[in-house]
Amino acid sequence: MGLGPVRRFGYVRENALTNYKHKNDRNCCDEILPWLPRAPQILGGGCMTVMWVILIALIFGTMPVTIRALYPPLFFRRGTEVRPQVVVVLGAGHRQRAGKYVTGVIGLRRLQHGLVQAQARKLPLLLCGGGKHLSSESPTGSQGDVPSEAALMAEEVRMRAPLQSVWLEEESRTTWENAENAAKLLVRKGVSRVLLVTDRPHMTRAMMCFRAQGLDVEPAPLDRLPTSNWVPTAAALSLMPEIWYEWLALVWYGLHWR
């Protein structure tokens, strides 16, 4: 007799919970079912939105104006005017053609830009770049098989402008070594002011390295992008890895200064 109310209460409570659960399930079904016929349309609309976003990002990401905005900034010293005494061109690797080592395409563009500056200002050219090392590509594997980048650029200068004065720095392998070795050579010649030629993404790091050697630097960057800012181009997209590399290199140089 004493347990009857408790059992009745438990039965009522269990029924109440069951009814509540069934009611919630019906409410969920009532909310979901009207959306099921429209699910393909909703998903299709979402996919189209994502595709449009990707397309717009690709268009803006291949515009020269967007890529130029991502370049590391150039820092100029206020109140100082650099009157260069020499044009310094940094090498950009070499390649093989018909079994012979020649200057790479980017290096040729830098060289041409620097040669124009040197002739216009009547200044000597300092060509920087090592490469005198053993290479698996060398036919014999001997020490002299791989000429330096500077020597290869000097050959190009002799063919294009035989009367141009040329100095060579042939030992460097990095941008820091470019600056360090060039500064040693320039000090011996009594030169402290340079016009520096390299690609625009690379210019910020190169200027920092040369200024760290006590040289006054005027930048003469080579911009490989088309002059039209708003026309998408594959050249802009191809520069993205180079730009991100330069930003990472600036962080590394800032931490280690090498």
Foldseek 3Di string as FASTA:
>chain_A
DVCVVVVVVVVVVVVVVVVVVVVVVVVVCVVVVVCVVCVVVVVVVVVVVVVVVVVVCQQLLQFQQNLVVLADDADDDPPDDFDFQEAEFEADDWDDDPNDIAGDPQRVVLLVLSVVVCVVSVHAYEYEWAFQAFDPPFPVRDRRRTGTRQVRSVVVCCVVPVPGHYHYHHDDDDLLSRQVSVLVVVVVVVGAGYEYEHARSQVRVSVVSNVVSVHHYDYDHDYPDDPRRNGGDVVSVVCVVVNVVSVVVVVVCVVVVD
